[in-house]
C-alpha atoms as a PDB file:
ATOM      1  CA  MET A   1      30.368  27.963 -61.673  1.00  0.00           C
ATOM      2  CA  ASN A   2      26.744  29.048 -61.854  1.00  0.00           C
ATOM      3  CA  GLU A   3      23.841  27.237 -60.180  1.00  0.00           C
ATOM      4  CA  LYS A   4      22.730  25.392 -63.326  1.00  0.00           C
ATOM      5  CA  GLY A   5      26.254  24.114 -63.939  1.00  0.00           C
ATOM      6  CA  HIS A   6      26.504  22.919 -60.343  1.00  0.00           C
ATOM      7  CA  LYS A   7      23.191  21.037 -60.567  1.00  0.00           C
ATOM      8  CA  PHE A   8      24.269  19.448 -63.868  1.00  0.00           C
ATOM      9  CA  LEU A   9      27.514  18.181 -62.325  1.00  0.00           C
ATOM     10  CA  CYS A  10      25.599  16.843 -59.324  1.00  0.00           C
ATOM     11  CA  LEU A  11      23.266  14.957 -61.669  1.00  0.00           C
ATOM     12  CA  ILE A  12      26.222  13.502 -63.593  1.00  0.00           C
ATOM     13  CA  ASN A  13      27.839  12.410 -60.319  1.00  0.00           C
ATOM     14  CA  TYR A  14      24.631  10.707 -59.251  1.00  0.00           C
ATOM     15  CA  LEU A  15      24.318   8.881 -62.585  1.00  0.00           C
ATOM     16  CA  ASN A  16      27.912   7.693 -62.186  1.00  0.00           C
ATOM     17  CA  PHE A  17      27.008   6.468 -58.718  1.00  0.00           C
ATOM     18  CA  LEU A  18      24.059   4.512 -60.117  1.00  0.00           C
ATOM     19  CA  ILE A  19      26.268   2.954 -62.777  1.00  0.00           C
ATOM     20  CA  GLN A  20      28.834   1.890 -60.175  1.00  0.00           C
ATOM     21  CA  GLN A  21      26.187   0.470 -57.882  1.00  0.00           C
ATOM     22  CA  PHE A  22      23.989  -1.246 -60.461  1.00  0.00           C
ATOM     23  CA  ASP A  23      26.298  -1.907 -63.396  1.00  0.00           C
ATOM     24  CA  HIS A  24      25.397  -5.612 -63.399  1.00  0.00           C
ATOM     25  CA  LEU A  25      21.680  -4.738 -63.469  1.00  0.00           C
ATOM     26  CA  LEU A  26      21.597  -2.058 -66.168  1.00  0.00           C
ATOM     27  CA  PHE A  27      20.065  -4.405 -68.713  1.00  0.00           C
ATOM     28  CA  SER A  28      17.866  -6.370 -66.340  1.00  0.00           C
ATOM     29  CA  PHE A  29      15.659  -3.664 -64.827  1.00  0.00           C
ATOM     30  CA  ALA A  30      11.985  -4.545 -64.512  1.00  0.00           C
ATOM     31  CA  LEU A  31       9.585  -1.704 -65.245  1.00  0.00           C
ATOM     32  CA  GLY A  32       6.628  -0.862 -63.040  1.00  0.00           C
ATOM     33  CA  ILE A  33       5.806  -1.541 -59.410  1.00  0.00           C
ATOM     34  CA  TYR A  34       7.549  -4.240 -57.366  1.00  0.00           C
ATOM     35  CA  ARG A  35       6.165  -7.658 -58.370  1.00  0.00           C
ATOM     36  CA  GLY A  36       8.564 -10.014 -56.607  1.00  0.00           C
ATOM     37  CA  HIS A  37      10.915 -12.565 -58.140  1.00  0.00           C
ATOM     38  CA  ASN A  38       9.165 -15.874 -57.426  1.00  0.00           C
ATOM     39  CA  GLY A  39       5.965 -15.702 -59.424  1.00  0.00           C
ATOM     40  CA  GLU A  40       4.012 -13.578 -56.958  1.00  0.00           C
ATOM     41  CA  CYS A  41       2.411 -11.673 -59.847  1.00  0.00           C
ATOM     42  CA  GLU A  42       0.819 -13.120 -62.996  1.00  0.00           C
ATOM     43  CA  TRP A  43      -0.115 -11.160 -66.116  1.00  0.00           C
ATOM     44  CA  LYS A  44      -3.804 -11.310 -67.063  1.00  0.00           C
ATOM     45  CA  ASN A  45      -4.493 -10.499 -70.713  1.00  0.00           C
ATOM     46  CA  ASP A  46      -8.199  -9.955 -70.123  1.00  0.00           C
ATOM     47  CA  TRP A  47      -7.398  -7.384 -67.449  1.00  0.00           C
ATOM     48  CA  THR A  48      -4.294  -5.950 -69.116  1.00  0.00           C
ATOM     49  CA  ALA A  49      -2.920  -6.006 -65.570  1.00  0.00           C
ATOM     50  CA  PHE A  50      -1.070  -8.200 -63.078  1.00  0.00           C
ATOM     51  CA  GLU A  51      -2.705 -10.297 -60.400  1.00  0.00           C
ATOM     52  CA  CYS A  52      -0.451 -10.458 -57.334  1.00  0.00           C
ATOM     53  CA  HIS A  53      -0.491 -12.644 -54.220  1.00  0.00           C
ATOM     54  CA  GLY A  54       1.817 -12.768 -51.221  1.00  0.00           C
ATOM     55  CA  LEU A  55       2.766  -9.078 -51.505  1.00  0.00           C
ATOM     56  CA  ASP A  56       1.573  -6.170 -49.361  1.00  0.00           C
ATOM     57  CA  HIS A  57       1.027  -3.380 -51.873  1.00  0.00           C
ATOM     58  CA  MET A  58      -0.066   0.014 -50.528  1.00  0.00           C
ATOM     59  CA  MET A  59      -0.570   3.478 -51.992  1.00  0.00           C
ATOM     60  CA  MET A  60       2.141   5.988 -51.087  1.00  0.00           C
ATOM     61  CA  VAL A  61       1.565   9.672 -51.853  1.00  0.00           C
ATOM     62  CA  VAL A  62       4.493  12.040 -52.316  1.00  0.00           C
ATOM     63  CA  GLU A  63       3.318  15.632 -52.389  1.00  0.00           C
ATOM     64  CA  SER A  64       4.980  19.008 -52.898  1.00  0.00           C
ATOM     65  CA  LEU A  65       3.723  21.579 -50.400  1.00  0.00           C
ATOM     66  CA  ASP A  66       5.521  24.467 -52.118  1.00  0.00           C
ATOM     67  CA  ALA A  67       3.580  27.493 -53.321  1.00  0.00           C
ATOM     68  CA  ASP A  68       4.538  26.669 -56.935  1.00  0.00           C
ATOM     69  CA  THR A  69       3.258  23.085 -56.791  1.00  0.00           C
ATOM     70  CA  GLU A  70       0.836  23.740 -59.679  1.00  0.00           C
ATOM     71  CA  VAL A  71       3.179  25.528 -62.055  1.00  0.00           C
ATOM     72  CA  ARG A  72       6.657  23.998 -61.587  1.00  0.00           C
ATOM     73  CA  ARG A  73       7.320  20.544 -62.985  1.00  0.00           C
ATOM     74  CA  VAL A  74       9.452  18.149 -60.936  1.00  0.00           C
ATOM     75  CA  SER A  75       8.355  14.980 -62.759  1.00  0.00           C
ATOM     76  CA  PRO A  76       8.719  12.379 -64.042  1.00  0.00           C
ATOM     77  CA  VAL A  77       9.725  10.787 -60.761  1.00  0.00           C
ATOM     78  CA  ALA A  78      11.657   7.510 -60.572  1.00  0.00           C
ATOM     79  CA  LEU A  79      11.042   5.017 -57.756  1.00  0.00           C
ATOM     80  CA  TYR A  80      13.539   2.144 -57.500  1.00  0.00           C
ATOM     81  CA  THR A  81      13.750  -1.018 -55.407  1.00  0.00           C
ATOM     82  CA  ASP A  82      15.323  -4.435 -55.968  1.00  0.00           C
ATOM     83  CA  THR A  83      15.745  -4.113 -59.806  1.00  0.00           C
ATOM     84  CA  TYR A  84      12.255  -2.578 -60.280  1.00  0.00           C
ATOM     85  CA  VAL A  85      11.962   0.980 -61.613  1.00  0.00           C
ATOM     86  CA  ASP A  86       8.593   2.753 -61.607  1.00  0.00           C
ATOM     87  CA  LEU A  87       8.222   6.080 -63.454  1.00  0.00           C
ATOM     88  CA  ILE A  88       5.436   8.409 -62.293  1.00  0.00           C
ATOM     89  CA  ASN A  89       4.484  11.445 -64.357  1.00  0.00           C
ATOM     90  CA  GLY A  90       1.907  13.139 -62.138  1.00  0.00           C
ATOM     91  CA  PRO A  91      -1.697  14.320 -62.694  1.00  0.00           C
ATOM     92  CA  GLN A  92      -3.049  15.891 -65.871  1.00  0.00           C
ATOM     93  CA  ASP A  93      -3.491  19.606 -66.508  1.00  0.00           C
ATOM     94  CA  ASN A  94      -6.443  21.145 -64.649  1.00  0.00           C
ATOM     95  CA  GLY A  95      -5.952  24.662 -65.990  1.00  0.00           C
ATOM     96  CA  TRP A  96      -8.321  26.773 -68.075  1.00  0.00           C
ATOM     97  CA  CYS A  97      -6.523  26.885 -71.435  1.00  0.00           C
ATOM     98  CA  ASN A  98      -4.653  24.609 -73.825  1.00  0.00           C
ATOM     99  CA  GLY A  99      -1.368  26.525 -73.833  1.00  0.00           C
ATOM    100  CA  TYR A 100       1.695  25.124 -72.105  1.00  0.00           C
ATOM    101  CA  THR A 101       2.420  28.386 -70.284  1.00  0.00           C
ATOM    102  CA  CYS A 102      -0.888  28.273 -68.388  1.00  0.00           C
ATOM    103  CA  GLN A 103      -0.988  24.570 -67.569  1.00  0.00           C
ATOM    104  CA  VAL A 104      -1.789  23.825 -63.936  1.00  0.00           C
ATOM    105  CA  ARG A 105      -0.735  20.425 -62.584  1.00  0.00           C
ATOM    106  CA  ILE A 106      -0.200  19.786 -58.892  1.00  0.00           C
ATOM    107  CA  SER A 107       3.038  17.998 -58.003  1.00  0.00           C
ATOM    108  CA  THR A 108       1.355  15.119 -56.197  1.00  0.00           C
ATOM    109  CA  PHE A 109       2.452  11.599 -57.098  1.00  0.00           C
ATOM    110  CA  TYR A 110       0.619   8.360 -56.316  1.00  0.00           C
ATOM    111  CA  MET A 111       2.926   5.348 -56.061  1.00  0.00           C
ATOM    112  CA  ILE A 112       2.338   1.672 -55.329  1.00  0.00           C
ATOM    113  CA  VAL A 113       4.899   0.300 -52.858  1.00  0.00           C
ATOM    114  CA  ASN A 114       5.409  -3.036 -51.160  1.00  0.00           C
ATOM    115  CA  THR A 115       5.659  -2.577 -47.403  1.00  0.00           C
ATOM    116  CA  GLY A 116       8.660  -3.824 -45.483  1.00  0.00           C
ATOM    117  CA  MET A 117      11.083  -2.688 -48.202  1.00  0.00           C
ATOM    118  CA  SER A 118      13.463   0.197 -48.890  1.00  0.00           C
ATOM    119  CA  TYR A 119      13.051   2.448 -51.931  1.00  0.00           C
ATOM    120  CA  GLU A 120      15.047   5.145 -53.708  1.00  0.00           C
ATOM    121  CA  LEU A 121      13.272   8.208 -55.095  1.00  0.00           C
ATOM    122  CA  VAL A 122      14.632  10.680 -57.681  1.00  0.00           C
ATOM    123  CA  PHE A 123      12.928  13.812 -59.058  1.00  0.00           C
ATOM    124  CA  SER A 124      13.800  14.966 -62.569  1.00  0.00           C
ATOM    125  CA  GLY A 125      13.482  18.604 -61.465  1.00  0.00           C
ATOM    126  CA  THR A 126      14.795  20.464 -58.439  1.00  0.00           C
ATOM    127  CA  ASN A 127      13.362  18.872 -55.305  1.00  0.00           C
ATOM    128  CA  PRO A 128      10.494  20.751 -53.635  1.00  0.00           C
ATOM    129  CA  GLN A 129      11.477  22.747 -50.568  1.00  0.00           C
ATOM    130  CA  ARG A 130       8.794  20.976 -48.548  1.00  0.00           C
ATOM    131  CA  LEU A 131       7.693  17.409 -49.212  1.00  0.00           C
ATOM    132  CA  ARG A 132       5.039  15.250 -47.583  1.00  0.00           C
ATOM    133  CA  TYR A 133       5.076  11.432 -47.595  1.00  0.00           C
ATOM    134  CA  HIS A 134       1.976   9.439 -46.696  1.00  0.00           C
ATOM    135  CA  LEU A 135       0.941   5.764 -46.800  1.00  0.00           C
ATOM    136  CA  LEU A 136      -2.787   5.936 -47.460  1.00  0.00           C
ATOM    137  CA  ASN A 137      -5.153   3.820 -45.339  1.00  0.00           C
ATOM    138  CA  SER A 138      -2.293   1.825 -43.825  1.00  0.00           C
ATOM    139  CA  GLU A 139      -1.756   0.282 -40.397  1.00  0.00           C
ATOM    140  CA  ASP A 140       1.117   1.038 -38.030  1.00  0.00           C
ATOM    141  CA  THR A 141       2.609  -2.364 -38.850  1.00  0.00           C
ATOM    142  CA  GLN A 142       2.998  -1.365 -42.523  1.00  0.00           C
ATOM    143  CA  LYS A 143       6.222   0.553 -43.134  1.00  0.00           C
ATOM    144  CA  VAL A 144       8.639   1.536 -45.901  1.00  0.00           C
ATOM    145  CA  VAL A 145      11.951   3.365 -45.994  1.00  0.00           C
ATOM    146  CA  VAL A 146      12.404   5.951 -48.767  1.00  0.00           C
ATOM    147  CA  GLY A 147      15.769   7.446 -49.718  1.00  0.00           C
ATOM    148  CA  THR A 148      15.230  10.684 -51.678  1.00  0.00           C
ATOM    149  CA  TRP A 149      18.162  12.036 -53.681  1.00  0.00           C
ATOM    150  CA  TYR A 150      19.072  15.728 -53.380  1.00  0.00           C
ATOM    151  CA  ALA A 151      21.426  17.579 -55.737  1.00  0.00           C
ATOM    152  CA  ASN A 152      22.412  20.376 -53.356  1.00  0.00           C
ATOM    153  CA  PRO A 153      24.068  20.037 -49.928  1.00  0.00           C
ATOM    154  CA  GLN A 154      21.271  21.515 -47.829  1.00  0.00           C
ATOM    155  CA  ARG A 155      20.045  20.624 -44.362  1.00  0.00           C
ATOM    156  CA  LEU A 156      16.819  18.653 -44.332  1.00  0.00           C
ATOM    157  CA  ASP A 157      14.591  18.706 -41.247  1.00  0.00           C
ATOM    158  CA  VAL A 158      11.909  16.051 -40.662  1.00  0.00           C
ATOM    159  CA  TYR A 159       8.601  16.731 -38.905  1.00  0.00           C
ATOM    160  CA  VAL A 160       5.713  14.508 -37.828  1.00  0.00           C
ATOM    161  CA  TYR A 161       2.460  16.390 -37.161  1.00  0.00           C
ATOM    162  CA  GLY A 162       4.548  19.544 -37.114  1.00  0.00           C
ATOM    163  CA  LEU A 163       6.997  18.341 -34.431  1.00  0.00           C
ATOM    164  CA  TYR A 164      10.721  17.969 -35.136  1.00  0.00           C
ATOM    165  CA  VAL A 165      12.190  14.454 -35.288  1.00  0.00           C
ATOM    166  CA  MET A 166      15.864  14.155 -34.313  1.00  0.00           C
ATOM    167  CA  PRO A 167      17.999  12.466 -37.008  1.00  0.00           C
ATOM    168  CA  ASN A 168      19.760   9.236 -36.126  1.00  0.00           C
ATOM    169  CA  ASN A 169      23.130  10.990 -36.117  1.00  0.00           C
ATOM    170  CA  GLY A 170      21.886  13.844 -33.948  1.00  0.00           C
ATOM    171  CA  ALA A 171      21.820  14.072 -30.162  1.00  0.00           C
ATOM    172  CA  ARG A 172      21.552  16.464 -27.236  1.00  0.00           C
ATOM    173  CA  GLU A 173      24.522  16.919 -24.968  1.00  0.00           C
ATOM    174  CA  ASN A 174      24.341  19.365 -22.079  1.00  0.00           C
ATOM    175  CA  GLY A 175      21.312  20.963 -23.688  1.00  0.00           C
ATOM    176  CA  GLU A 176      23.077  21.504 -27.016  1.00  0.00           C
ATOM    177  CA  PHE A 177      22.270  19.923 -30.385  1.00  0.00           C
ATOM    178  CA  VAL A 178      25.300  17.982 -31.675  1.00  0.00           C
ATOM    179  CA  TRP A 179      26.114  15.603 -34.512  1.00  0.00           C
ATOM    180  CA  LYS A 180      27.297  12.068 -33.745  1.00  0.00           C
ATOM    181  CA  ASN A 181      30.095  10.423 -35.749  1.00  0.00           C
ATOM    182  CA  ASP A 182      30.767   7.307 -33.712  1.00  0.00           C
ATOM    183  CA  LEU A 183      29.276   4.877 -36.262  1.00  0.00           C
ATOM    184  CA  PRO A 184      29.654   4.259 -40.009  1.00  0.00           C
ATOM    185  CA  SER A 185      27.058   6.036 -42.151  1.00  0.00           C
ATOM    186  CA  GLU A 186      25.344   2.752 -43.044  1.00  0.00           C
ATOM    187  CA  ASP A 187      24.560   2.124 -39.376  1.00  0.00           C
ATOM    188  CA  TYR A 188      22.561   5.355 -39.140  1.00  0.00           C
ATOM    189  CA  LYS A 189      20.143   4.398 -41.913  1.00  0.00           C
ATOM    190  CA  PRO A 190      16.583   3.628 -40.753  1.00  0.00           C
ATOM    191  CA  GLU A 191      15.323   0.102 -41.377  1.00  0.00           C
ATOM    192  CA  PRO A 192      11.761  -1.001 -42.261  1.00  0.00           C
ATOM    193  CA  SER A 193      11.714  -2.978 -39.007  1.00  0.00           C
ATOM    194  CA  SER A 194      11.981   0.230 -36.947  1.00  0.00           C
ATOM    195  CA  ASN A 195       8.963   1.601 -35.068  1.00  0.00           C
ATOM    196  CA  ILE A 196      10.068   5.249 -34.839  1.00  0.00           C
ATOM    197  CA  TYR A 197       7.768   7.584 -36.771  1.00  0.00           C
ATOM    198  CA  GLY A 198       9.813   9.703 -39.152  1.00  0.00           C
ATOM    199  CA  GLU A 199      13.165   8.122 -38.253  1.00  0.00           C
ATOM    200  CA  ASN A 200      15.657   9.761 -40.589  1.00  0.00           C
ATOM    201  CA  PHE A 201      19.262  10.160 -41.679  1.00  0.00           C
ATOM    202  CA  PHE A 202      20.912  12.179 -44.444  1.00  0.00           C
ATOM    203  CA  HIS A 203      23.634  10.087 -46.110  1.00  0.00           C
ATOM    204  CA  ARG A 204      26.199  12.639 -47.301  1.00  0.00           C
ATOM    205  CA  ASP A 205      28.139  10.206 -49.512  1.00  0.00           C
ATOM    206  CA  GLU A 206      24.958   9.303 -51.408  1.00  0.00           C
ATOM    207  CA  SER A 207      23.236  12.725 -51.101  1.00  0.00           C
ATOM    208  CA  LYS A 208      20.073  10.923 -49.993  1.00  0.00           C
ATOM    209  CA  MET A 209      17.620  11.624 -47.221  1.00  0.00           C
ATOM    210  CA  TYR A 210      16.371   8.343 -45.733  1.00  0.00           C
ATOM    211  CA  ILE A 211      13.094   8.399 -43.787  1.00  0.00           C
ATOM    212  CA  LEU A 212      10.857   5.739 -42.272  1.00  0.00           C
ATOM    213  CA  ILE A 213       7.193   6.041 -43.234  1.00  0.00           C
ATOM    214  CA  ARG A 214       5.030   4.142 -40.771  1.00  0.00           C
ATOM    215  CA  GLY A 215       1.291   3.702 -41.068  1.00  0.00           C
ATOM    216  CA  ALA A 216      -0.967   6.573 -42.080  1.00  0.00           C
ATOM    217  CA  THR A 217       1.180   9.190 -40.330  1.00  0.00           C
ATOM    218  CA  PRO A 218       2.215  11.996 -42.740  1.00  0.00           C
ATOM    219  CA  ILE A 219       5.929  12.809 -42.766  1.00  0.00           C
ATOM    220  CA  ASP A 220       7.175  16.263 -43.828  1.00  0.00           C
ATOM    221  CA  ILE A 221      10.701  17.055 -45.044  1.00  0.00           C
ATOM    222  CA  VAL A 222      11.573  20.753 -44.924  1.00  0.00           C
ATOM    223  CA  THR A 223      14.634  22.106 -46.739  1.00  0.00           C
ATOM    224  CA  THR A 224      16.453  24.701 -44.644  1.00  0.00           C
ATOM    225  CA  PRO A 225      18.432  27.348 -46.581  1.00  0.00           C
ATOM    226  CA  VAL A 226      22.071  27.399 -45.510  1.00  0.00           C
ATOM    227  CA  ILE A 227      25.382  28.872 -46.650  1.00  0.00           C
ATOM    228  CA  MET A 228      28.160  26.436 -47.532  1.00  0.00           C
ATOM    229  CA  LEU A 229      31.738  27.739 -47.231  1.00  0.00           C
ATOM    230  CA  THR A 230      34.991  25.937 -47.991  1.00  0.00           C
ATOM    231  CA  PHE A 231      38.588  26.884 -47.257  1.00  0.00           C
ATOM    232  CA  GLY A 232      41.940  25.114 -47.105  1.00  0.00           C
ATOM    233  CA  VAL A 233      44.142  24.805 -44.035  1.00  0.00           C
ATOM    234  CA  PRO A 234      47.519  23.113 -43.474  1.00  0.00           C
ATOM    235  CA  ALA A 235      47.068  19.394 -42.886  1.00  0.00           C
ATOM    236  CA  VAL A 236      47.016  18.441 -39.203  1.00  0.00           C
ATOM    237  CA  THR A 237      46.278  15.296 -37.261  1.00  0.00           C
ATOM    238  CA  ILE A 238      42.781  14.732 -35.926  1.00  0.00           C
ATOM    239  CA  ASP A 239      43.958  15.338 -32.351  1.00  0.00           C
ATOM    240  CA  GLU A 240      45.562  18.640 -33.335  1.00  0.00           C
ATOM    241  CA  PHE A 241      42.456  19.727 -35.203  1.00  0.00           C
ATOM    242  CA  PHE A 242      40.216  19.213 -32.207  1.00  0.00           C
ATOM    243  CA  GLU A 243      42.467  21.123 -29.816  1.00  0.00           C
ATOM    244  CA  GLU A 244      40.622  23.909 -28.011  1.00  0.00           C
ATOM    245  CA  ASN A 245      42.824  26.676 -29.441  1.00  0.00           C
ATOM    246  CA  LEU A 246      41.645  25.998 -33.017  1.00  0.00           C
ATOM    247  CA  ILE A 247      37.994  25.994 -32.005  1.00  0.00           C
ATOM    248  CA  ASN A 248      38.564  29.214 -30.087  1.00  0.00           C
ATOM    249  CA  ASN A 249      40.227  30.750 -33.130  1.00  0.00           C
ATOM    250  CA  LEU A 250      37.176  29.899 -35.224  1.00  0.00           C
ATOM    251  CA  VAL A 251      34.901  31.392 -32.587  1.00  0.00           C
ATOM    252  CA  LEU A 252      36.883  34.623 -32.578  1.00  0.00           C
ATOM    253  CA  PHE A 253      37.183  34.791 -36.352  1.00  0.00           C
ATOM    254  CA  LEU A 254      33.455  34.240 -36.956  1.00  0.00           C
ATOM    255  CA  ASP A 255      32.308  36.149 -33.877  1.00  0.00           C
ATOM    256  CA  VAL A 256      30.012  33.373 -32.676  1.00  0.00           C
ATOM    257  CA  LYS A 257      29.514  31.443 -29.450  1.00  0.00           C
ATOM    258  CA  PRO A 258      31.323  28.095 -28.979  1.00  0.00           C
ATOM    259  CA  SER A 259      27.906  26.430 -28.729  1.00  0.00           C
ATOM    260  CA  GLN A 260      27.183  27.558 -32.292  1.00  0.00           C
ATOM    261  CA  ILE A 261      29.953  25.376 -33.779  1.00  0.00           C
ATOM    262  CA  ARG A 262      28.977  21.774 -34.403  1.00  0.00           C
ATOM    263  CA  ILE A 263      31.433  19.262 -35.852  1.00  0.00           C
ATOM    264  CA  VAL A 264      29.819  16.990 -38.446  1.00  0.00           C
ATOM    265  CA  GLU A 265      32.566  14.565 -39.455  1.00  0.00           C
ATOM    266  CA  VAL A 266      36.200  14.065 -40.457  1.00  0.00           C
ATOM    267  CA  ILE A 267      36.570  12.728 -43.996  1.00  0.00           C
ATOM    268  CA  ALA A 268      39.439  10.257 -44.470  1.00  0.00           C
ATOM    269  CA  GLU A 269      41.965  10.682 -47.274  1.00  0.00           C
ATOM    270  CA  ASP A 270      40.704   7.619 -49.165  1.00  0.00           C
ATOM    271  CA  SER A 271      37.062   8.744 -49.070  1.00  0.00           C
ATOM    272  CA  LYS A 272      35.270   9.080 -52.422  1.00  0.00           C
ATOM    273  CA  ARG A 273      34.063  12.500 -51.301  1.00  0.00           C
ATOM    274  CA  ARG A 274      37.618  13.817 -50.894  1.00  0.00           C
ATOM    275  CA  ARG A 275      38.296  16.412 -53.592  1.00  0.00           C
ATOM    276  CA  LYS A 276      41.605  17.028 -55.362  1.00  0.00           C
ATOM    277  CA  ARG A 277      43.671  19.768 -53.783  1.00  0.00           C
ATOM    278  CA  ALA A 278      47.242  20.748 -52.967  1.00  0.00           C
ATOM    279  CA  THR A 279      49.372  18.088 -51.250  1.00  0.00           C
ATOM    280  CA  GLY A 280      49.573  18.529 -47.523  1.00  0.00           C
ATOM    281  CA  GLU A 281      46.499  20.738 -47.323  1.00  0.00           C
ATOM    282  CA  ALA A 282      43.220  19.888 -45.603  1.00  0.00           C
ATOM    283  CA  GLU A 283      39.819  21.141 -46.710  1.00  0.00           C
ATOM    284  CA  VAL A 284      37.395  22.589 -44.203  1.00  0.00           C
ATOM    285  CA  VAL A 285      33.729  22.840 -45.176  1.00  0.00           C
ATOM    286  CA  PHE A 286      31.193  24.443 -42.883  1.00  0.00           C
ATOM    287  CA  GLU A 287      27.556  25.394 -43.052  1.00  0.00           C
ATOM    288  CA  ILE A 288      25.867  28.495 -41.696  1.00  0.00           C
ATOM    289  CA  GLY A 289      22.122  28.575 -41.142  1.00  0.00           C
ATOM    290  CA  GLU A 290      19.257  28.537 -38.676  1.00  0.00           C
ATOM    291  CA  PRO A 291      18.925  25.573 -36.260  1.00  0.00           C
ATOM    292  CA  PRO A 292      16.023  23.142 -36.613  1.00  0.00           C
ATOM    293  CA  ALA A 293      12.738  24.599 -35.408  1.00  0.00           C
ATOM    294  CA  ASP A 294      10.927  22.802 -32.592  1.00  0.00           C
ATOM    295  CA  SER A 295       7.751  22.774 -34.656  1.00  0.00           C
ATOM    296  CA  ILE A 296       6.277  24.018 -37.907  1.00  0.00           C
ATOM    297  CA  GLU A 297       2.803  24.950 -39.058  1.00  0.00           C
ATOM    298  CA  ILE A 298       0.903  21.968 -40.398  1.00  0.00           C
ATOM    299  CA  GLU A 299      -0.531  22.275 -43.889  1.00  0.00           C
ATOM    300  CA  GLU A 300      -4.157  21.333 -43.212  1.00  0.00           C
ATOM    301  CA  GLU A 301      -5.267  21.469 -46.850  1.00  0.00           C
ATOM    302  CA  SER A 302      -3.589  18.822 -48.982  1.00  0.00           C
ATOM    303  CA  SER A 303      -4.472  16.126 -51.453  1.00  0.00           C
ATOM    304  CA  THR A 304      -3.914  13.483 -48.786  1.00  0.00           C
ATOM    305  CA  GLY A 305      -6.341  15.035 -46.305  1.00  0.00           C
ATOM    306  CA  THR A 306      -5.746  16.243 -42.788  1.00  0.00           C
ATOM    307  CA  PRO A 307      -3.603  14.260 -40.333  1.00  0.00           C
ATOM    308  CA  GLY A 308      -5.240  11.406 -38.436  1.00  0.00           C
ATOM    309  CA  THR A 309      -4.998  10.394 -34.805  1.00  0.00           C
ATOM    310  CA  THR A 310      -1.885   8.194 -34.820  1.00  0.00           C
ATOM    311  CA  ASP A 311       0.219   8.595 -31.676  1.00  0.00           C
ATOM    312  CA  LEU A 312       3.091  11.032 -32.035  1.00  0.00           C
ATOM    313  CA  PRO A 313       6.656   9.717 -32.088  1.00  0.00           C
ATOM    314  CA  PRO A 314       9.212  10.793 -29.491  1.00  0.00           C
ATOM    315  CA  THR A 315      10.670  14.154 -30.477  1.00  0.00           C
ATOM    316  CA  THR A 316      13.448  16.328 -29.180  1.00  0.00           C
ATOM    317  CA  ASP A 317      13.884  20.016 -28.592  1.00  0.00           C
ATOM    318  CA  PRO A 318      16.764  21.647 -30.528  1.00  0.00           C
ATOM    319  CA  SER A 319      19.124  24.089 -28.850  1.00  0.00           C
ATOM    320  CA  GLY A 320      17.141  27.184 -29.826  1.00  0.00           C
ATOM    321  CA  GLU A 321      20.225  29.015 -31.129  1.00  0.00           C
ATOM    322  CA  THR A 322      19.667  31.584 -33.870  1.00  0.00           C
ATOM    323  CA  PHE A 323      22.861  30.669 -35.716  1.00  0.00           C
ATOM    324  CA  LEU A 324      24.214  27.304 -36.827  1.00  0.00           C
ATOM    325  CA  LEU A 325      27.756  26.451 -37.866  1.00  0.00           C
ATOM    326  CA  ILE A 326      28.476  22.906 -39.000  1.00  0.00           C
ATOM    327  CA  LEU A 327      32.129  22.125 -39.621  1.00  0.00           C
ATOM    328  CA  VAL A 328      33.603  19.361 -41.779  1.00  0.00           C
ATOM    329  CA  LEU A 329      37.347  18.631 -41.997  1.00  0.00           C
ATOM    330  CA  THR A 330      39.108  16.646 -44.697  1.00  0.00           C
ATOM    331  CA  GLN A 331      42.676  15.834 -43.757  1.00  0.00           C
ATOM    332  CA  ASN A 332      45.715  13.986 -45.079  1.00  0.00           C
ATOM    333  CA  ALA A 333      45.714  10.621 -43.318  1.00  0.00           C
ATOM    334  CA  ASP A 334      49.512  10.413 -43.482  1.00  0.00           C
ATOM    335  CA  THR A 335      50.011  13.436 -41.206  1.00  0.00           C
END
């Protein structure tokens, strides 16, 4: 299957997910920004606008930092929370001619959000490789959580002021970067009540990257190119799979160091992510790519201005390896 076909199937799967999650709300969506449910906002005919009280609306900027930000369209963008759907189309053309082929429109989107809530964000085009989120002119007490949907299974690294922020399901053990799987996925999601700048978690079942945006601190998400490989192996129990001889066999087969193999998770037989395959056969999926960088170069020139002076969040130092192997096993639960 080619890349376009894969993206189309991913989009269909996401639409099916939305239907399953919000089937009872399909015909009761409210359009526009969040306006509450108890009369917090009143329509004013003279203004052709709403007057709102009791809500903490702030301006959130979502900006593509890719080199093609002016020529590649990723909008309209949908922002969803609590039955409200806001569609943002982006700025007008600032090019020099009237032809479509020479239109120049930066992919910077200005959204009104209500702090203390969680939002879902979906681009109509392929997500930018580097995104910046920013709550303009906000205080540290004003926070939102944004879950951005991604079509492709890529690793997403989060940076605050250019410094790497460890995901909630990541940790350091004996100086090595490892993935944690001791809690359900829902428990790793950041909450608006958190105080950690750039707290993040990629929910694999939902294909969403959840990040906490706190105050005026810009948050960058960088997409890291990786190689995804899948192969089938005879079904084994979890204990058998994690025996040292199998890990050693993988090390020898791939010619890598043991420290370069990181187990992500074991997917149960009844998981929605489990794909159809031959009976009695497990599916192993692993990812090859560079480890997270300790820091990245900060884009000083942007539509949101240069970073301010907010204190930096706690950050961690990745392992520094030049090769990353993330392994996922799907097994038959009856074995």
